[in-house]
Amino acid sequence: MAARIKKGDQVAVLAGRDKGKTGDVVKVFPKRDRAIVQGVNVVKRHTRPSGGNAGGIVEKEATIHVSNLALTDPKDNKPTRIGIKVLEDGRKVRFAKRSGEVIDS
């Protein structure tokens, strides 16, 4: 799958427990087609004390499959599909299919 979602992108969740939520992409795992989105798919982990960590129940974001994410359109903040086009100067850029606006600057 092409790298259509990148770190720092604003995305919306399309399916699953957190459907409808939005957040920024914190990290992307291209080989596994998964991403970590801030405030989405939060799970509780029971950790034991080690070093400076006190331990206990810690809440953190788990990965979510990129097929369940859609980039938000820069114009109206609604989910959109992403296209790739080549500009006149030869650069490849992503654009929102909903509005046609270029996402990469």
N, C-alpha and C. Protein backbone atom coordinates (compact mmCIF):
# COMPACT_ATOMS: atom_id res chain seq x y z
N MET A 1 0.85 -1.20 0.00
CA MET A 1 0.00 0.00 0.00
C MET A 1 0.89 1.25 0.00
N ALA A 2 0.52 2.22 -0.77
CA ALA A 2 1.31 3.45 -0.86
C ALA A 2 1.23 4.23 0.46
N ALA A 3 2.25 5.02 0.71
CA ALA A 3 2.31 5.81 1.95
C ALA A 3 1.40 7.01 1.80
N ARG A 4 0.11 6.81 1.97
CA ARG A 4 -0.85 7.89 1.82
C ARG A 4 -1.08 8.63 3.13
N ILE A 5 -0.81 7.98 4.26
CA ILE A 5 -0.94 8.62 5.55
C ILE A 5 0.45 8.75 6.16
N LYS A 6 0.76 9.95 6.62
CA LYS A 6 2.08 10.23 7.15
C LYS A 6 1.98 10.83 8.55
N LYS A 7 3.11 10.83 9.25
CA LYS A 7 3.19 11.40 10.59
C LYS A 7 2.80 12.88 10.54
N GLY A 8 1.96 13.29 11.47
CA GLY A 8 1.52 14.69 11.52
C GLY A 8 0.22 14.97 10.81
N ASP A 9 -0.29 14.02 10.04
CA ASP A 9 -1.56 14.20 9.33
C ASP A 9 -2.73 14.20 10.30
N GLN A 10 -3.76 14.97 9.98
CA GLN A 10 -5.01 14.96 10.73
C GLN A 10 -5.91 13.92 10.07
N VAL A 11 -6.32 12.90 10.84
CA VAL A 11 -7.12 11.82 10.27
C VAL A 11 -8.42 11.62 11.05
N ALA A 12 -9.38 10.99 10.39
CA ALA A 12 -10.65 10.61 11.01
C ALA A 12 -10.74 9.09 11.01
N VAL A 13 -11.35 8.53 12.06
CA VAL A 13 -11.51 7.08 12.16
C VAL A 13 -12.83 6.71 11.50
N LEU A 14 -12.77 5.74 10.57
CA LEU A 14 -13.95 5.35 9.79
C LEU A 14 -14.68 4.15 10.38
N ALA A 15 -13.97 3.29 11.11
CA ALA A 15 -14.58 2.06 11.60
C ALA A 15 -13.99 1.68 12.95
N GLY A 16 -14.76 0.90 13.69
CA GLY A 16 -14.28 0.39 14.97
C GLY A 16 -14.87 1.13 16.15
N ARG A 17 -14.30 0.86 17.31
CA ARG A 17 -14.79 1.39 18.58
C ARG A 17 -14.74 2.92 18.62
N ASP A 18 -13.75 3.52 17.96
CA ASP A 18 -13.56 4.97 17.99
C ASP A 18 -14.04 5.67 16.72
N LYS A 19 -15.01 5.07 16.03
CA LYS A 19 -15.53 5.63 14.79
C LYS A 19 -16.02 7.07 15.01
N GLY A 20 -15.59 7.97 14.12
CA GLY A 20 -16.01 9.37 14.20
C GLY A 20 -14.99 10.27 14.88
N LYS A 21 -14.07 9.69 15.64
CA LYS A 21 -13.05 10.51 16.31
C LYS A 21 -12.00 10.98 15.31
N THR A 22 -11.36 12.10 15.65
CA THR A 22 -10.27 12.61 14.83
C THR A 22 -9.04 12.81 15.70
N GLY A 23 -7.87 12.82 15.07
CA GLY A 23 -6.63 13.04 15.80
C GLY A 23 -5.45 13.12 14.86
N ASP A 24 -4.30 13.47 15.42
CA ASP A 24 -3.07 13.56 14.64
C ASP A 24 -2.33 12.24 14.67
N VAL A 25 -1.71 11.90 13.54
CA VAL A 25 -0.92 10.67 13.46
C VAL A 25 0.40 10.91 14.18
N VAL A 26 0.68 10.05 15.18
CA VAL A 26 1.90 10.17 15.97
C VAL A 26 3.03 9.36 15.33
N LYS A 27 2.72 8.15 14.87
CA LYS A 27 3.73 7.27 14.29
C LYS A 27 3.07 6.36 13.27
N VAL A 28 3.81 6.02 12.21
CA VAL A 28 3.30 5.14 11.16
C VAL A 28 4.21 3.92 11.04
N PHE A 29 3.60 2.75 10.87
CA PHE A 29 4.34 1.50 10.65
C PHE A 29 4.00 1.00 9.25
N PRO A 30 4.75 1.44 8.22
CA PRO A 30 4.39 1.13 6.83
C PRO A 30 4.39 -0.36 6.51
N LYS A 31 5.30 -1.13 7.08
CA LYS A 31 5.37 -2.56 6.77
C LYS A 31 4.15 -3.30 7.28
N ARG A 32 3.56 -2.80 8.39
CA ARG A 32 2.39 -3.46 8.96
C ARG A 32 1.09 -2.76 8.59
N ASP A 33 1.17 -1.66 7.82
CA ASP A 33 -0.01 -0.87 7.42
C ASP A 33 -0.81 -0.40 8.63
N ARG A 34 -0.12 0.05 9.66
CA ARG A 34 -0.78 0.49 10.88
C ARG A 34 -0.23 1.85 11.30
N ALA A 35 -1.00 2.57 12.13
CA ALA A 35 -0.57 3.88 12.60
C ALA A 35 -1.06 4.09 14.03
N ILE A 36 -0.37 4.96 14.75
CA ILE A 36 -0.81 5.37 16.08
C ILE A 36 -1.38 6.77 15.95
N VAL A 37 -2.62 6.95 16.40
CA VAL A 37 -3.31 8.24 16.32
C VAL A 37 -3.56 8.74 17.75
N GLN A 38 -3.25 10.00 17.97
CA GLN A 38 -3.37 10.59 19.30
C GLN A 38 -4.82 10.59 19.79
N GLY A 39 -5.06 9.98 20.94
CA GLY A 39 -6.38 9.95 21.56
C GLY A 39 -7.33 8.92 20.98
N VAL A 40 -6.85 8.05 20.09
CA VAL A 40 -7.69 7.05 19.45
C VAL A 40 -7.16 5.65 19.79
N ASN A 41 -8.09 4.70 20.00
CA ASN A 41 -7.74 3.31 20.31
C ASN A 41 -6.90 3.24 21.59
N VAL A 42 -7.36 3.93 22.62
CA VAL A 42 -6.64 3.96 23.90
C VAL A 42 -6.92 2.66 24.65
N VAL A 43 -5.83 2.00 25.08
CA VAL A 43 -5.94 0.74 25.82
C VAL A 43 -5.24 0.89 27.16
N LYS A 44 -5.61 0.03 28.11
CA LYS A 44 -4.97 0.03 29.43
C LYS A 44 -3.96 -1.09 29.49
N ARG A 45 -2.76 -0.76 29.95
CA ARG A 45 -1.69 -1.75 30.10
C ARG A 45 -1.28 -1.82 31.57
N HIS A 46 -1.20 -3.02 32.08
CA HIS A 46 -0.73 -3.22 33.45
C HIS A 46 0.78 -3.38 33.41
N THR A 47 1.49 -2.41 33.98
CA THR A 47 2.95 -2.45 33.94
C THR A 47 3.51 -2.63 35.34
N ARG A 48 4.63 -3.35 35.43
CA ARG A 48 5.28 -3.53 36.72
C ARG A 48 6.35 -2.47 36.89
N PRO A 49 6.64 -2.11 38.13
CA PRO A 49 7.64 -1.06 38.37
C PRO A 49 9.02 -1.49 37.86
N SER A 50 9.70 -0.56 37.20
CA SER A 50 11.07 -0.82 36.75
C SER A 50 11.78 0.51 36.57
N GLY A 51 12.94 0.62 37.15
CA GLY A 51 13.71 1.86 37.03
C GLY A 51 12.97 3.03 37.65
N GLY A 52 12.79 4.09 36.87
CA GLY A 52 12.09 5.28 37.36
C GLY A 52 10.58 5.18 37.21
N ASN A 53 10.10 4.11 36.55
CA ASN A 53 8.67 3.93 36.31
C ASN A 53 8.00 3.36 37.55
N ALA A 54 6.93 3.98 38.01
CA ALA A 54 6.25 3.53 39.22
C ALA A 54 5.41 2.27 38.99
N GLY A 55 5.01 2.02 37.76
CA GLY A 55 4.16 0.87 37.48
C GLY A 55 2.70 1.20 37.68
N GLY A 56 1.84 0.19 37.57
CA GLY A 56 0.41 0.40 37.71
C GLY A 56 -0.30 0.28 36.37
N ILE A 57 -1.50 0.81 36.29
CA ILE A 57 -2.29 0.74 35.06
C ILE A 57 -2.03 2.01 34.24
N VAL A 58 -1.50 1.82 33.05
CA VAL A 58 -1.14 2.94 32.18
C VAL A 58 -2.03 2.91 30.94
N GLU A 59 -2.57 4.08 30.58
CA GLU A 59 -3.36 4.19 29.36
C GLU A 59 -2.47 4.70 28.24
N LYS A 60 -2.50 4.02 27.09
CA LYS A 60 -1.72 4.48 25.95
C LYS A 60 -2.43 4.10 24.65
N GLU A 61 -2.02 4.76 23.56
CA GLU A 61 -2.66 4.52 22.27
C GLU A 61 -2.06 3.26 21.64
N ALA A 62 -2.94 2.41 21.12
CA ALA A 62 -2.51 1.23 20.37
C ALA A 62 -2.60 1.55 18.88
N THR A 63 -1.99 0.70 18.07
CA THR A 63 -2.01 0.94 16.63
C THR A 63 -3.40 0.66 16.06
N ILE A 64 -3.69 1.30 14.94
CA ILE A 64 -4.95 1.09 14.24
C ILE A 64 -4.62 0.91 12.76
N HIS A 65 -5.34 0.05 12.08
CA HIS A 65 -5.04 -0.22 10.67
C HIS A 65 -5.38 0.99 9.81
N VAL A 66 -4.52 1.28 8.83
CA VAL A 66 -4.71 2.48 8.02
C VAL A 66 -5.97 2.43 7.16
N SER A 67 -6.52 1.22 6.93
CA SER A 67 -7.76 1.13 6.15
C SER A 67 -8.94 1.70 6.94
N ASN A 68 -8.79 1.83 8.26
CA ASN A 68 -9.84 2.39 9.09
C ASN A 68 -9.67 3.89 9.31
N LEU A 69 -8.70 4.49 8.62
CA LEU A 69 -8.42 5.92 8.76
C LEU A 69 -8.63 6.63 7.43
N ALA A 70 -9.05 7.88 7.49
CA ALA A 70 -9.15 8.72 6.29
C ALA A 70 -8.62 10.10 6.64
N LEU A 71 -7.85 10.66 5.74
CA LEU A 71 -7.33 12.00 5.94
C LEU A 71 -8.47 13.00 5.96
N THR A 72 -8.38 14.04 6.79
CA THR A 72 -9.42 15.06 6.80
C THR A 72 -9.07 16.13 5.76
N ASP A 73 -10.08 16.57 5.04
CA ASP A 73 -9.91 17.58 4.00
C ASP A 73 -9.50 18.90 4.64
N PRO A 74 -8.45 19.55 4.11
CA PRO A 74 -8.01 20.83 4.71
C PRO A 74 -9.07 21.93 4.62
N LYS A 75 -10.00 21.84 3.65
CA LYS A 75 -11.02 22.89 3.48
C LYS A 75 -12.14 22.79 4.51
N ASP A 76 -12.74 21.58 4.67
CA ASP A 76 -13.92 21.48 5.53
C ASP A 76 -13.79 20.45 6.66
N ASN A 77 -12.59 19.90 6.87
CA ASN A 77 -12.33 18.95 7.96
C ASN A 77 -13.24 17.72 7.94
N LYS A 78 -13.65 17.28 6.74
CA LYS A 78 -14.41 16.05 6.62
C LYS A 78 -13.50 14.99 5.99
N PRO A 79 -13.77 13.70 6.25
CA PRO A 79 -12.90 12.65 5.71
C PRO A 79 -12.90 12.66 4.18
N THR A 80 -11.72 12.43 3.61
CA THR A 80 -11.58 12.41 2.17
C THR A 80 -10.60 11.32 1.75
N ARG A 81 -10.75 10.87 0.52
CA ARG A 81 -9.76 9.96 -0.04
C ARG A 81 -8.59 10.78 -0.55
N ILE A 82 -7.47 10.11 -0.77
CA ILE A 82 -6.25 10.80 -1.15
C ILE A 82 -5.82 10.36 -2.54
N GLY A 83 -5.44 11.32 -3.36
CA GLY A 83 -4.87 11.02 -4.66
C GLY A 83 -3.44 11.53 -4.72
N ILE A 84 -2.69 11.04 -5.69
CA ILE A 84 -1.32 11.49 -5.88
C ILE A 84 -1.19 12.02 -7.30
N LYS A 85 -0.62 13.21 -7.43
CA LYS A 85 -0.41 13.77 -8.77
C LYS A 85 0.97 14.41 -8.83
N VAL A 86 1.46 14.58 -10.06
CA VAL A 86 2.76 15.18 -10.28
C VAL A 86 2.56 16.62 -10.74
N LEU A 87 3.22 17.54 -10.05
CA LEU A 87 3.12 18.95 -10.41
C LEU A 87 4.02 19.26 -11.61
N GLU A 88 3.93 20.50 -12.14
CA GLU A 88 4.71 20.91 -13.29
C GLU A 88 6.20 20.84 -13.02
N ASP A 89 6.59 21.13 -11.76
CA ASP A 89 8.02 21.12 -11.42
C ASP A 89 8.55 19.72 -11.12
N GLY A 90 7.70 18.69 -11.29
CA GLY A 90 8.14 17.31 -11.14
C GLY A 90 7.93 16.70 -9.77
N ARG A 91 7.41 17.49 -8.82
CA ARG A 91 7.19 16.96 -7.47
C ARG A 91 5.91 16.14 -7.42
N LYS A 92 5.95 15.04 -6.65
CA LYS A 92 4.76 14.23 -6.40
C LYS A 92 4.11 14.76 -5.13
N VAL A 93 2.82 15.06 -5.18
CA VAL A 93 2.11 15.57 -4.01
C VAL A 93 0.81 14.81 -3.80
N ARG A 94 0.36 14.78 -2.56
CA ARG A 94 -0.94 14.20 -2.24
C ARG A 94 -1.99 15.30 -2.34
N PHE A 95 -3.20 14.93 -2.79
CA PHE A 95 -4.28 15.91 -2.84
C PHE A 95 -5.57 15.26 -2.36
N ALA A 96 -6.46 16.08 -1.81
CA ALA A 96 -7.74 15.61 -1.31
C ALA A 96 -8.69 15.46 -2.49
N LYS A 97 -9.23 14.26 -2.68
CA LYS A 97 -10.14 14.03 -3.80
C LYS A 97 -11.46 14.75 -3.61
N ARG A 98 -11.81 15.07 -2.37
CA ARG A 98 -13.07 15.75 -2.06
C ARG A 98 -13.07 17.16 -2.61
N SER A 99 -11.98 17.91 -2.38
CA SER A 99 -11.93 19.31 -2.79
C SER A 99 -10.88 19.59 -3.86
N GLY A 100 -9.96 18.65 -4.07
CA GLY A 100 -8.88 18.86 -5.04
C GLY A 100 -7.72 19.65 -4.49
N GLU A 101 -7.78 20.00 -3.20
CA GLU A 101 -6.72 20.80 -2.59
C GLU A 101 -5.48 19.96 -2.31
N VAL A 102 -4.31 20.55 -2.56
CA VAL A 102 -3.04 19.87 -2.33
C VAL A 102 -2.77 19.82 -0.83
N ILE A 103 -2.39 18.63 -0.33
CA ILE A 103 -2.13 18.44 1.09
C ILE A 103 -0.67 18.73 1.41
N ASP A 104 0.26 18.20 0.59
CA ASP A 104 1.68 18.45 0.81
C ASP A 104 2.03 19.82 0.24
N SER A 105 2.81 20.58 1.00
CA SER A 105 3.16 21.93 0.54
C SER A 105 4.44 21.95 -0.25
